C-alpha atoms as a PDB file:
ATOM      1  CA  MET A   1      65.613  87.924  89.472  1.00  0.00           C
ATOM      2  CA  THR A   2      65.446  89.755  86.174  1.00  0.00           C
ATOM      3  CA  ARG A   3      68.152  91.674  84.341  1.00  0.00           C
ATOM      4  CA  HIS A   4      67.849  94.786  82.257  1.00  0.00           C
ATOM      5  CA  SER A   5      69.777  94.019  79.081  1.00  0.00           C
ATOM      6  CA  SER A   6      72.138  96.476  77.465  1.00  0.00           C
ATOM      7  CA  PRO A   7      73.691  95.216  74.217  1.00  0.00           C
ATOM      8  CA  GLY A   8      76.932  97.075  73.653  1.00  0.00           C
ATOM      9  CA  LEU A   9      76.495  99.099  76.835  1.00  0.00           C
ATOM     10  CA  SER A  10      73.998 101.460  75.261  1.00  0.00           C
ATOM     11  CA  PRO A  11      72.737 104.429  77.308  1.00  0.00           C
ATOM     12  CA  GLY A  12      69.985 103.945  79.839  1.00  0.00           C
ATOM     13  CA  ALA A  13      69.352 103.580  83.549  1.00  0.00           C
ATOM     14  CA  PRO A  14      72.003 101.932  85.715  1.00  0.00           C
ATOM     15  CA  LEU A  15      71.881  98.158  85.294  1.00  0.00           C
ATOM     16  CA  VAL A  16      71.135  96.217  88.447  1.00  0.00           C
ATOM     17  CA  GLY A  17      69.351  92.970  89.121  1.00  0.00           C
ATOM     18  CA  ARG A  18      65.871  93.508  90.555  1.00  0.00           C
ATOM     19  CA  ASP A  19      63.388  91.288  92.324  1.00  0.00           C
ATOM     20  CA  GLN A  20      59.719  90.966  91.420  1.00  0.00           C
ATOM     21  CA  ALA A  21      58.888  94.065  93.473  1.00  0.00           C
ATOM     22  CA  GLY A  22      61.339  96.117  91.415  1.00  0.00           C
ATOM     23  CA  ARG A  23      63.853  96.475  94.238  1.00  0.00           C
ATOM     24  CA  PRO A  24      67.600  95.955  93.688  1.00  0.00           C
ATOM     25  CA  GLY A  25      68.806  92.466  94.537  1.00  0.00           C
ATOM     26  CA  PHE A  26      70.849  91.849  97.680  1.00  0.00           C
ATOM     27  CA  PHE A  27      74.211  91.699  95.917  1.00  0.00           C
ATOM     28  CA  ASP A  28      73.452  94.772  93.846  1.00  0.00           C
ATOM     29  CA  ARG A  29      72.747  96.719  97.028  1.00  0.00           C
ATOM     30  CA  LEU A  30      76.322  95.934  98.079  1.00  0.00           C
ATOM     31  CA  LEU A  31      77.826  97.170  94.805  1.00  0.00           C
ATOM     32  CA  PRO A  32      77.551 100.658  93.334  1.00  0.00           C
ATOM     33  CA  PRO A  33      75.756 100.742  89.957  1.00  0.00           C
ATOM     34  CA  ALA A  34      77.463 102.352  87.004  1.00  0.00           C
ATOM     35  CA  ASP A  35      76.361 105.810  86.034  1.00  0.00           C
ATOM     36  CA  GLU A  36      74.939 106.230  82.530  1.00  0.00           C
ATOM     37  CA  SER A  37      77.953 108.272  81.424  1.00  0.00           C
ATOM     38  CA  ALA A  38      80.284 105.364  82.187  1.00  0.00           C
ATOM     39  CA  ARG A  39      78.440 102.777  80.144  1.00  0.00           C
ATOM     40  CA  THR A  40      79.666 103.451  76.634  1.00  0.00           C
ATOM     41  CA  VAL A  41      82.900 102.048  75.199  1.00  0.00           C
ATOM     42  CA  GLU A  42      82.876 103.748  71.811  1.00  0.00           C
ATOM     43  CA  GLY A  43      86.148 105.593  71.262  1.00  0.00           C
ATOM     44  CA  SER A  44      87.688 104.228  74.464  1.00  0.00           C
ATOM     45  CA  ALA A  45      90.644 102.704  72.594  1.00  0.00           C
ATOM     46  CA  ARG A  46      91.081 105.595  70.175  1.00  0.00           C
ATOM     47  CA  ARG A  47      94.779 106.278  69.553  1.00  0.00           C
ATOM     48  CA  TRP A  48      95.705 103.346  71.792  1.00  0.00           C
ATOM     49  CA  GLY A  49      99.308 103.598  70.600  1.00  0.00           C
ATOM     50  CA  VAL A  50      99.479 106.929  72.411  1.00  0.00           C
ATOM     51  CA  GLN A  51      97.359 105.954  75.415  1.00  0.00           C
ATOM     52  CA  LEU A  52      99.448 102.916  76.374  1.00  0.00           C
ATOM     53  CA  PRO A  53     102.914 104.530  76.583  1.00  0.00           C
ATOM     54  CA  LEU A  54     101.316 107.597  78.151  1.00  0.00           C
ATOM     55  CA  GLY A  55      99.798 105.443  80.899  1.00  0.00           C
ATOM     56  CA  ILE A  56     103.113 103.692  81.564  1.00  0.00           C
ATOM     57  CA  LEU A  57     104.985 106.993  81.612  1.00  0.00           C
ATOM     58  CA  LEU A  58     102.449 108.473  84.028  1.00  0.00           C
ATOM     59  CA  HIS A  59     102.830 105.484  86.348  1.00  0.00           C
ATOM     60  CA  VAL A  60     106.613 105.889  86.430  1.00  0.00           C
ATOM     61  CA  LEU A  61     106.235 109.625  86.999  1.00  0.00           C
ATOM     62  CA  LEU A  62     103.968 109.047  90.004  1.00  0.00           C
ATOM     63  CA  GLN A  63     106.554 106.761  91.598  1.00  0.00           C
ATOM     64  CA  MET A  64     109.228 109.383  91.040  1.00  0.00           C
ATOM     65  CA  ILE A  65     107.062 112.135  92.528  1.00  0.00           C
ATOM     66  CA  GLY A  66     106.177 110.057  95.574  1.00  0.00           C
ATOM     67  CA  ILE A  67     109.695 108.875  96.356  1.00  0.00           C
ATOM     68  CA  GLY A  68     111.336 112.142  95.313  1.00  0.00           C
ATOM     69  CA  THR A  69     109.096 114.218  97.564  1.00  0.00           C
ATOM     70  CA  GLY A  70     109.662 111.802 100.431  1.00  0.00           C
ATOM     71  CA  LEU A  71     113.405 111.991  99.922  1.00  0.00           C
ATOM     72  CA  ALA A  72     113.363 115.799  99.800  1.00  0.00           C
ATOM     73  CA  LEU A  73     111.315 116.066 102.986  1.00  0.00           C
ATOM     74  CA  SER A  74     113.574 113.529 104.644  1.00  0.00           C
ATOM     75  CA  LEU A  75     116.576 115.734 103.888  1.00  0.00           C
ATOM     76  CA  LEU A  76     114.757 118.815 105.178  1.00  0.00           C
ATOM     77  CA  LEU A  77     114.042 116.980 108.417  1.00  0.00           C
ATOM     78  CA  GLY A  78     117.750 116.561 109.060  1.00  0.00           C
ATOM     79  CA  GLU A  79     118.950 113.355 107.432  1.00  0.00           C
ATOM     80  CA  THR A  80     122.232 113.483 105.532  1.00  0.00           C
ATOM     81  CA  THR A  81     122.113 113.093 101.772  1.00  0.00           C
ATOM     82  CA  MET A  82     123.723 109.643 101.741  1.00  0.00           C
ATOM     83  CA  ASP A  83     121.549 108.380 104.604  1.00  0.00           C
ATOM     84  CA  ALA A  84     118.393 109.534 102.857  1.00  0.00           C
ATOM     85  CA  ILE A  85     119.407 107.954  99.553  1.00  0.00           C
ATOM     86  CA  ALA A  86     120.263 104.694 101.285  1.00  0.00           C
ATOM     87  CA  ARG A  87     116.947 104.642 103.073  1.00  0.00           C
ATOM     88  CA  ALA A  88     115.029 105.390  99.898  1.00  0.00           C
ATOM     89  CA  GLY A  89     116.592 102.390  98.205  1.00  0.00           C
ATOM     90  CA  GLY A  90     116.100  98.726  98.888  1.00  0.00           C
ATOM     91  CA  HIS A  91     113.464  97.966 101.460  1.00  0.00           C
ATOM     92  CA  ARG A  92     114.291 100.459 104.241  1.00  0.00           C
ATOM     93  CA  ILE A  93     111.805 102.909 102.825  1.00  0.00           C
ATOM     94  CA  MET A  94     109.757 102.569 106.015  1.00  0.00           C
ATOM     95  CA  LEU A  95     112.310 104.719 107.882  1.00  0.00           C
ATOM     96  CA  MET A  96     110.942 107.960 106.435  1.00  0.00           C
ATOM     97  CA  PRO A  97     107.162 107.458 106.431  1.00  0.00           C
ATOM     98  CA  VAL A  98     106.034 111.069 106.957  1.00  0.00           C
ATOM     99  CA  GLY A  99     107.802 112.327 103.853  1.00  0.00           C
ATOM    100  CA  LEU A 100     106.559 109.370 101.848  1.00  0.00           C
ATOM    101  CA  LEU A 101     103.001 109.953 103.000  1.00  0.00           C
ATOM    102  CA  VAL A 102     103.088 113.573 101.853  1.00  0.00           C
ATOM    103  CA  GLY A 103     104.722 112.489  98.607  1.00  0.00           C
ATOM    104  CA  SER A 104     102.108 109.809  97.984  1.00  0.00           C
ATOM    105  CA  VAL A 105      99.241 112.270  98.467  1.00  0.00           C
ATOM    106  CA  ILE A 106     100.856 114.711  96.033  1.00  0.00           C
ATOM    107  CA  ALA A 107     101.592 111.930  93.533  1.00  0.00           C
ATOM    108  CA  ALA A 108      98.040 110.562  93.698  1.00  0.00           C
ATOM    109  CA  SER A 109      96.519 114.009  93.216  1.00  0.00           C
ATOM    110  CA  VAL A 110      98.790 114.758  90.267  1.00  0.00           C
ATOM    111  CA  GLY A 111      98.110 111.324  88.805  1.00  0.00           C
ATOM    112  CA  LEU A 112      94.328 111.603  88.859  1.00  0.00           C
ATOM    113  CA  ALA A 113      94.376 115.114  87.423  1.00  0.00           C
ATOM    114  CA  ALA A 114      96.949 114.294  84.741  1.00  0.00           C
ATOM    115  CA  TYR A 115      95.183 111.081  83.731  1.00  0.00           C
ATOM    116  CA  SER A 116      91.850 112.859  83.311  1.00  0.00           C
ATOM    117  CA  ARG A 117      93.339 115.734  81.339  1.00  0.00           C
ATOM    118  CA  LEU A 118      95.677 113.722  79.114  1.00  0.00           C
ATOM    119  CA  MET A 119      93.249 110.899  78.319  1.00  0.00           C
ATOM    120  CA  ARG A 120      90.526 113.374  77.459  1.00  0.00           C
ATOM    121  CA  LEU A 121      92.948 115.145  75.127  1.00  0.00           C
ATOM    122  CA  VAL A 122      94.102 111.926  73.442  1.00  0.00           C
ATOM    123  CA  ARG A 123      90.691 110.251  73.178  1.00  0.00           C
ATOM    124  CA  GLY A 124      88.730 113.383  72.370  1.00  0.00           C
ATOM    125  CA  ARG A 125      85.931 112.393  74.736  1.00  0.00           C
ATOM    126  CA  ALA A 126      85.015 112.418  78.409  1.00  0.00           C
ATOM    127  CA  VAL A 127      87.110 110.136  80.622  1.00  0.00           C
ATOM    128  CA  CYS A 128      84.126 108.132  81.851  1.00  0.00           C
ATOM    129  CA  GLU A 129      86.188 105.878  84.113  1.00  0.00           C
ATOM    130  CA  LEU A 130      86.819 108.856  86.420  1.00  0.00           C
ATOM    131  CA  ALA A 131      84.173 111.456  85.531  1.00  0.00           C
ATOM    132  CA  GLY A 132      80.513 111.762  86.445  1.00  0.00           C
ATOM    133  CA  PRO A 133      78.479 111.736  89.667  1.00  0.00           C
ATOM    134  CA  GLY A 134      78.687 109.079  92.373  1.00  0.00           C
ATOM    135  CA  ARG A 135      82.470 109.052  92.652  1.00  0.00           C
ATOM    136  CA  LEU A 136      82.587 109.402  96.427  1.00  0.00           C
ATOM    137  CA  ARG A 137      79.947 106.701  96.844  1.00  0.00           C
ATOM    138  CA  GLU A 138      81.930 104.270  94.699  1.00  0.00           C
ATOM    139  CA  LEU A 139      85.192 105.159  96.436  1.00  0.00           C
ATOM    140  CA  GLY A 140      83.576 104.724  99.855  1.00  0.00           C
ATOM    141  CA  THR A 141      82.039 101.397  98.872  1.00  0.00           C
ATOM    142  CA  GLY A 142      85.463 100.223  97.746  1.00  0.00           C
ATOM    143  CA  LEU A 143      87.001 101.260 101.062  1.00  0.00           C
ATOM    144  CA  VAL A 144      84.356  99.247 102.913  1.00  0.00           C
ATOM    145  CA  TRP A 145      84.836  96.197 100.689  1.00  0.00           C
ATOM    146  CA  GLY A 146      88.627  96.272 101.020  1.00  0.00           C
ATOM    147  CA  THR A 147      88.418  96.561 104.801  1.00  0.00           C
ATOM    148  CA  ALA A 148      85.809  93.808 105.077  1.00  0.00           C
ATOM    149  CA  LEU A 149      87.753  91.370 102.893  1.00  0.00           C
ATOM    150  CA  MET A 150      90.986  91.834 104.846  1.00  0.00           C
ATOM    151  CA  MET A 151      89.129  91.482 108.154  1.00  0.00           C
ATOM    152  CA  ALA A 152      87.568  88.257 106.872  1.00  0.00           C
ATOM    153  CA  VAL A 153      90.987  86.873 105.943  1.00  0.00           C
ATOM    154  CA  ILE A 154      92.505  87.789 109.311  1.00  0.00           C
ATOM    155  CA  ALA A 155      89.493  86.341 111.144  1.00  0.00           C
ATOM    156  CA  VAL A 156      89.954  82.988 109.395  1.00  0.00           C
ATOM    157  CA  LEU A 157      93.693  82.972 110.112  1.00  0.00           C
ATOM    158  CA  ALA A 158      93.064  83.833 113.769  1.00  0.00           C
ATOM    159  CA  ALA A 159      90.452  81.090 114.065  1.00  0.00           C
ATOM    160  CA  MET A 160      92.993  78.609 112.678  1.00  0.00           C
ATOM    161  CA  GLY A 161      95.644  79.754 115.167  1.00  0.00           C
ATOM    162  CA  ALA A 162      97.861  81.297 112.483  1.00  0.00           C
ATOM    163  CA  TYR A 163      97.443  84.934 113.586  1.00  0.00           C
ATOM    164  CA  ARG A 164      97.797  86.347 117.089  1.00  0.00           C
ATOM    165  CA  ILE A 165      97.934  89.962 118.306  1.00  0.00           C
ATOM    166  CA  VAL A 166     100.967  90.594 120.508  1.00  0.00           C
ATOM    167  CA  ALA A 167     100.655  94.338 121.192  1.00  0.00           C
ATOM    168  CA  VAL A 168      98.540  97.351 120.252  1.00  0.00           C
ATOM    169  CA  GLY A 169      99.788 100.902 119.785  1.00  0.00           C
ATOM    170  CA  TRP A 170     101.006 103.601 117.439  1.00  0.00           C
ATOM    171  CA  ASP A 171     103.787 102.669 115.044  1.00  0.00           C
ATOM    172  CA  LYS A 172     105.281 104.183 111.890  1.00  0.00           C
ATOM    173  CA  GLY A 173     104.015 101.092 110.094  1.00  0.00           C
ATOM    174  CA  ILE A 174     100.573 102.717 110.159  1.00  0.00           C
ATOM    175  CA  LEU A 175     101.908 105.491 107.927  1.00  0.00           C
ATOM    176  CA  ILE A 176     103.605 102.947 105.672  1.00  0.00           C
ATOM    177  CA  GLY A 177     100.236 101.249 105.289  1.00  0.00           C
ATOM    178  CA  LEU A 178      98.704 104.572 104.256  1.00  0.00           C
ATOM    179  CA  VAL A 179     101.471 105.129 101.708  1.00  0.00           C
ATOM    180  CA  ALA A 180     100.977 101.650 100.242  1.00  0.00           C
ATOM    181  CA  GLY A 181      97.234 102.216 100.128  1.00  0.00           C
ATOM    182  CA  ILE A 182      97.423 105.561  98.350  1.00  0.00           C
ATOM    183  CA  MET A 183     100.143 104.644  95.859  1.00  0.00           C
ATOM    184  CA  GLY A 184      98.751 101.205  95.111  1.00  0.00           C
ATOM    185  CA  GLY A 185      95.151 102.328  95.035  1.00  0.00           C
ATOM    186  CA  VAL A 186      95.732 105.210  92.640  1.00  0.00           C
ATOM    187  CA  GLY A 187      98.960 104.479  90.770  1.00  0.00           C
ATOM    188  CA  GLU A 188      98.396 100.802  90.015  1.00  0.00           C
ATOM    189  CA  GLU A 189      94.700 101.173  89.251  1.00  0.00           C
ATOM    190  CA  LEU A 190      95.252 103.982  86.752  1.00  0.00           C
ATOM    191  CA  LEU A 191      97.725 101.808  84.856  1.00  0.00           C
ATOM    192  CA  PHE A 192      96.313  98.290  85.120  1.00  0.00           C
ATOM    193  CA  ARG A 193      92.576  98.897  85.091  1.00  0.00           C
ATOM    194  CA  GLY A 194      92.391 102.426  83.682  1.00  0.00           C
ATOM    195  CA  VAL A 195      94.731 101.809  80.748  1.00  0.00           C
ATOM    196  CA  LEU A 196      95.626  98.147  80.212  1.00  0.00           C
ATOM    197  CA  LEU A 197      92.292  96.477  80.956  1.00  0.00           C
ATOM    198  CA  ARG A 198      90.296  99.140  79.124  1.00  0.00           C
ATOM    199  CA  LEU A 199      92.450  99.003  75.981  1.00  0.00           C
ATOM    200  CA  LEU A 200      92.663  95.201  75.897  1.00  0.00           C
ATOM    201  CA  GLU A 201      88.928  94.933  76.456  1.00  0.00           C
ATOM    202  CA  ALA A 202      88.213  96.951  73.320  1.00  0.00           C
ATOM    203  CA  TRP A 203      90.019  94.266  71.276  1.00  0.00           C
ATOM    204  CA  LEU A 204      89.914  90.996  73.230  1.00  0.00           C
ATOM    205  CA  GLY A 205      86.657  91.464  75.117  1.00  0.00           C
ATOM    206  CA  SER A 206      86.084  91.615  78.861  1.00  0.00           C
ATOM    207  CA  TRP A 207      86.973  88.054  79.866  1.00  0.00           C
ATOM    208  CA  TRP A 208      90.288  87.880  78.013  1.00  0.00           C
ATOM    209  CA  ALA A 209      91.220  91.406  79.110  1.00  0.00           C
ATOM    210  CA  LEU A 210      90.486  90.480  82.724  1.00  0.00           C
ATOM    211  CA  THR A 211      92.622  87.341  82.447  1.00  0.00           C
ATOM    212  CA  VAL A 212      95.584  89.003  80.727  1.00  0.00           C
ATOM    213  CA  THR A 213      95.724  91.976  83.100  1.00  0.00           C
ATOM    214  CA  ALA A 214      95.437  89.677  86.127  1.00  0.00           C
ATOM    215  CA  VAL A 215      98.443  87.673  84.901  1.00  0.00           C
ATOM    216  CA  LEU A 216     100.408  90.870  84.225  1.00  0.00           C
ATOM    217  CA  PHE A 217      99.487  92.249  87.651  1.00  0.00           C
ATOM    218  CA  GLY A 218     100.818  89.116  89.318  1.00  0.00           C
ATOM    219  CA  ALA A 219     103.945  89.083  87.155  1.00  0.00           C
ATOM    220  CA  VAL A 220     105.035  92.635  88.015  1.00  0.00           C
ATOM    221  CA  HIS A 221     104.992  91.702  91.699  1.00  0.00           C
ATOM    222  CA  LEU A 222     107.778  89.179  91.053  1.00  0.00           C
ATOM    223  CA  SER A 223     110.216  92.074  91.435  1.00  0.00           C
ATOM    224  CA  ASN A 224     109.200  92.599  95.067  1.00  0.00           C
ATOM    225  CA  ALA A 225     111.215  91.279  98.002  1.00  0.00           C
ATOM    226  CA  GLY A 226     110.247  87.754  99.008  1.00  0.00           C
ATOM    227  CA  ALA A 227     108.295  87.212  95.801  1.00  0.00           C
ATOM    228  CA  SER A 228     107.968  83.800  94.165  1.00  0.00           C
ATOM    229  CA  PRO A 229     106.098  82.352  91.176  1.00  0.00           C
ATOM    230  CA  LEU A 230     103.481  80.929  93.534  1.00  0.00           C
ATOM    231  CA  GLY A 231     103.132  84.312  95.218  1.00  0.00           C
ATOM    232  CA  ALA A 232     102.720  86.028  91.858  1.00  0.00           C
ATOM    233  CA  ALA A 233     100.049  83.492  90.915  1.00  0.00           C
ATOM    234  CA  ALA A 234      98.280  84.194  94.206  1.00  0.00           C
ATOM    235  CA  ILE A 235      98.251  87.948  93.535  1.00  0.00           C
ATOM    236  CA  ALA A 236      97.024  87.375  89.984  1.00  0.00           C
ATOM    237  CA  LEU A 237      94.049  85.387  91.287  1.00  0.00           C
ATOM    238  CA  GLU A 238      93.151  87.244  94.463  1.00  0.00           C
ATOM    239  CA  ALA A 239      93.941  90.811  93.362  1.00  0.00           C
ATOM    240  CA  GLY A 240      94.149  90.816  89.567  1.00  0.00           C
ATOM    241  CA  ILE A 241      90.759  89.173  89.139  1.00  0.00           C
ATOM    242  CA  LEU A 242      89.140  91.035  92.036  1.00  0.00           C
ATOM    243  CA  LEU A 243      90.293  94.532  91.069  1.00  0.00           C
ATOM    244  CA  GLY A 244      89.557  93.961  87.396  1.00  0.00           C
ATOM    245  CA  ALA A 245      86.054  92.831  88.299  1.00  0.00           C
ATOM    246  CA  CYS A 246      85.642  95.991  90.393  1.00  0.00           C
ATOM    247  CA  TYR A 247      86.150  97.974  87.194  1.00  0.00           C
ATOM    248  CA  LEU A 248      83.874  95.774  85.088  1.00  0.00           C
ATOM    249  CA  VAL A 249      80.981  95.883  87.532  1.00  0.00           C
ATOM    250  CA  THR A 250      80.947  99.689  87.710  1.00  0.00           C
ATOM    251  CA  ARG A 251      82.724 100.668  84.493  1.00  0.00           C
ATOM    252  CA  ARG A 252      84.727 103.141  86.553  1.00  0.00           C
ATOM    253  CA  LEU A 253      87.915 103.158  88.629  1.00  0.00           C
ATOM    254  CA  TRP A 254      86.715 104.554  91.947  1.00  0.00           C
ATOM    255  CA  PHE A 255      85.463 101.258  93.374  1.00  0.00           C
ATOM    256  CA  ALA A 256      88.754  99.521  92.505  1.00  0.00           C
ATOM    257  CA  ILE A 257      90.814 102.431  93.863  1.00  0.00           C
ATOM    258  CA  GLY A 258      88.955 102.368  97.178  1.00  0.00           C
ATOM    259  CA  LEU A 259      89.160  98.597  97.580  1.00  0.00           C
ATOM    260  CA  HIS A 260      92.855  98.470  96.687  1.00  0.00           C
ATOM    261  CA  ALA A 261      93.729 101.360  99.009  1.00  0.00           C
ATOM    262  CA  ALA A 262      91.808  99.928 101.968  1.00  0.00           C
ATOM    263  CA  TRP A 263      93.225  96.451 101.384  1.00  0.00           C
ATOM    264  CA  ASN A 264      96.826  97.657 101.524  1.00  0.00           C
ATOM    265  CA  PHE A 265      96.275  99.956 104.485  1.00  0.00           C
ATOM    266  CA  VAL A 266      94.332  97.505 106.638  1.00  0.00           C
ATOM    267  CA  GLN A 267      96.718  94.677 105.803  1.00  0.00           C
ATOM    268  CA  GLY A 268      99.886  96.499 106.839  1.00  0.00           C
ATOM    269  CA  GLY A 269      98.783  99.617 108.698  1.00  0.00           C
ATOM    270  CA  VAL A 270      96.300  97.869 110.960  1.00  0.00           C
ATOM    271  CA  PHE A 271      97.003  94.136 111.152  1.00  0.00           C
ATOM    272  CA  GLY A 272     100.785  94.368 110.811  1.00  0.00           C
ATOM    273  CA  SER A 273     101.318  92.057 107.853  1.00  0.00           C
ATOM    274  CA  ASP A 274     103.997  92.657 105.244  1.00  0.00           C
ATOM    275  CA  ILE A 275     102.618  94.317 102.108  1.00  0.00           C
ATOM    276  CA  SER A 276     103.984  93.078  98.801  1.00  0.00           C
ATOM    277  CA  GLY A 277     106.579  95.649  97.764  1.00  0.00           C
ATOM    278  CA  ALA A 278     106.754  97.392 101.165  1.00  0.00           C
ATOM    279  CA  VAL A 279     108.168  95.408 104.067  1.00  0.00           C
ATOM    280  CA  ASN A 280     106.408  96.336 107.299  1.00  0.00           C
ATOM    281  CA  SER A 281     107.312  95.253 110.823  1.00  0.00           C
ATOM    282  CA  ARG A 282     103.941  96.066 112.385  1.00  0.00           C
ATOM    283  CA  GLY A 283     100.948  98.385 112.187  1.00  0.00           C
ATOM    284  CA  LEU A 284      98.378  99.328 114.793  1.00  0.00           C
ATOM    285  CA  PHE A 285      98.703  95.708 115.911  1.00  0.00           C
ATOM    286  CA  GLU A 286     101.972  93.902 116.395  1.00  0.00           C
ATOM    287  CA  ALA A 287     101.151  90.402 115.247  1.00  0.00           C
ATOM    288  CA  SER A 288     102.648  86.949 115.435  1.00  0.00           C
ATOM    289  CA  PHE A 289     102.122  84.584 112.499  1.00  0.00           C
ATOM    290  CA  SER A 290     102.581  80.853 112.953  1.00  0.00           C
ATOM    291  CA  GLY A 291     102.063  77.923 110.654  1.00  0.00           C
ATOM    292  CA  PRO A 292     103.126  76.849 107.168  1.00  0.00           C
ATOM    293  CA  ASP A 293     103.797  79.506 104.536  1.00  0.00           C
ATOM    294  CA  LEU A 294     100.853  78.210 102.534  1.00  0.00           C
ATOM    295  CA  LEU A 295      98.610  79.358 105.369  1.00  0.00           C
ATOM    296  CA  THR A 296     100.370  82.515 106.606  1.00  0.00           C
ATOM    297  CA  GLY A 297     101.777  83.704 103.285  1.00  0.00           C
ATOM    298  CA  GLY A 298     105.374  83.591 104.509  1.00  0.00           C
ATOM    299  CA  SER A 299     107.583  86.483 103.408  1.00  0.00           C
ATOM    300  CA  MET A 300     104.824  87.850 101.157  1.00  0.00           C
ATOM    301  CA  GLY A 301     102.518  88.514 104.076  1.00  0.00           C
ATOM    302  CA  VAL A 302      98.903  87.418 104.036  1.00  0.00           C
ATOM    303  CA  GLU A 303      98.714  88.196 100.302  1.00  0.00           C
ATOM    304  CA  GLY A 304     100.489  84.862  99.803  1.00  0.00           C
ATOM    305  CA  SER A 305      98.066  82.919 102.022  1.00  0.00           C
ATOM    306  CA  ILE A 306      95.743  80.317 100.541  1.00  0.00           C
ATOM    307  CA  VAL A 307      93.006  81.837 102.706  1.00  0.00           C
ATOM    308  CA  THR A 308      93.398  85.169 100.921  1.00  0.00           C
ATOM    309  CA  VAL A 309      93.376  83.461  97.528  1.00  0.00           C
ATOM    310  CA  VAL A 310      90.111  81.670  98.293  1.00  0.00           C
ATOM    311  CA  VAL A 311      88.322  84.637  99.899  1.00  0.00           C
ATOM    312  CA  CYS A 312      89.331  87.296  97.373  1.00  0.00           C
ATOM    313  CA  THR A 313      89.070  85.139  94.256  1.00  0.00           C
ATOM    314  CA  ALA A 314      85.551  84.190  95.320  1.00  0.00           C
ATOM    315  CA  ALA A 315      84.708  87.878  95.791  1.00  0.00           C
ATOM    316  CA  GLY A 316      86.185  88.675  92.382  1.00  0.00           C
ATOM    317  CA  ALA A 317      84.187  85.897  90.728  1.00  0.00           C
ATOM    318  CA  ALA A 318      81.004  87.195  92.361  1.00  0.00           C
ATOM    319  CA  MET A 319      81.691  90.711  91.062  1.00  0.00           C
ATOM    320  CA  ALA A 320      82.454  89.395  87.582  1.00  0.00           C
ATOM    321  CA  PHE A 321      79.141  87.537  87.639  1.00  0.00           C
ATOM    322  CA  ALA A 322      77.403  90.739  88.719  1.00  0.00           C
ATOM    323  CA  ALA A 323      79.036  92.567  85.796  1.00  0.00           C
ATOM    324  CA  HIS A 324      77.733  89.877  83.445  1.00  0.00           C
ATOM    325  CA  ARG A 325      74.263  90.102  84.949  1.00  0.00           C
ATOM    326  CA  ARG A 326      74.263  93.874  84.506  1.00  0.00           C
ATOM    327  CA  GLY A 327      75.133  93.450  80.835  1.00  0.00           C
ATOM    328  CA  PHE A 328      78.584  95.006  81.183  1.00  0.00           C
ATOM    329  CA  ILE A 329      80.606  92.240  79.535  1.00  0.00           C
ATOM    330  CA  ILE A 330      81.955  93.182  76.107  1.00  0.00           C
ATOM    331  CA  PRO A 331      82.584  90.463  73.487  1.00  0.00           C
ATOM    332  CA  PRO A 332      85.834  90.430  71.473  1.00  0.00           C
ATOM    333  CA  VAL A 333      86.048  92.786  68.517  1.00  0.00           C
ATOM    334  CA  TRP A 334      85.793  89.971  65.958  1.00  0.00           C
ATOM    335  CA  ARG A 335      82.559  88.754  67.526  1.00  0.00           C
ATOM    336  CA  ARG A 336      81.134  92.271  67.626  1.00  0.00           C
ATOM    337  CA  ARG A 337      81.943  92.743  63.945  1.00  0.00           C
ATOM    338  CA  ARG A 338      80.307  89.429  63.079  1.00  0.00           C
ATOM    339  CA  GLN A 339      77.212  90.444  65.018  1.00  0.00           C
ATOM    340  CA  GLU A 340      77.126  93.751  63.129  1.00  0.00           C
ATOM    341  CA  ARG A 341      77.306  91.954  59.778  1.00  0.00           C
ATOM    342  CA  GLU A 342      74.528  89.578  60.777  1.00  0.00           C
ATOM    343  CA  ALA A 343      72.298  92.376  62.091  1.00  0.00           C
END
């Protein structure tokens, strides 16, 4: 297996491993290659002091749009003001899923458009992490990966007797899963991979940026109901590493957005597990979990399961290796400067 090198992510054909016949390797056929326009990092961190607070502000705004729209629609559908406010707070948000679903779609659309426009204005260059051809292919590949990984986790739990389907049918939890998928897939990816990982990478390099953002991603989930330090560590490993590697291997956000969205939806909307940050009673399947919390994930849902940690961390490591093999790993700024002086 040979690799086309690309020092500094210079322009050229998409980087994929190829066999002796010139065909893409097996793993590279499962991952979308990065388009040429997404392979440069020059100017990515320009005016980072503006980009960072802008990204955080945009994330907060998306949450407000999603919840605010859901609350407004809930009132229009006949709930009293106090009832709607009570349901929007705490963890009873699942009681108004239709409004939240509409709100999440609006918030995601506004978020993607605002991110592209504002980052282009601040950086003075194309927003390569969202622009260019192949977006639907990368998004679709992410949806497939997210679904497959969650199905693999559930299959292992079922084989070990920790997961059992009790009933099948429509439930509002399906809509809650969609809301969690859309808001998590777009909102969290724009902030953590689109802003934080990209900016940190320009200074610390890919590996340190991946590590730091994974830790931060786990830490912010400590505020969720049922969260614990061990649960946060699990999310940092299984999701922080995996989703960061999705960005590194394609140099764009669409793969990570698709995987994150499918993961949340299939977890809660299909298999009926609690989603971190959105308590869910059931989805398409009403399920019974049995066994120690280490196996089932306890109050965190399957995201806290050791099975999920092993499966998803392994997938993340494989994607990170693929990013390295494609030549997409950026060294820290001090090493790049030393290499420039020695050149």
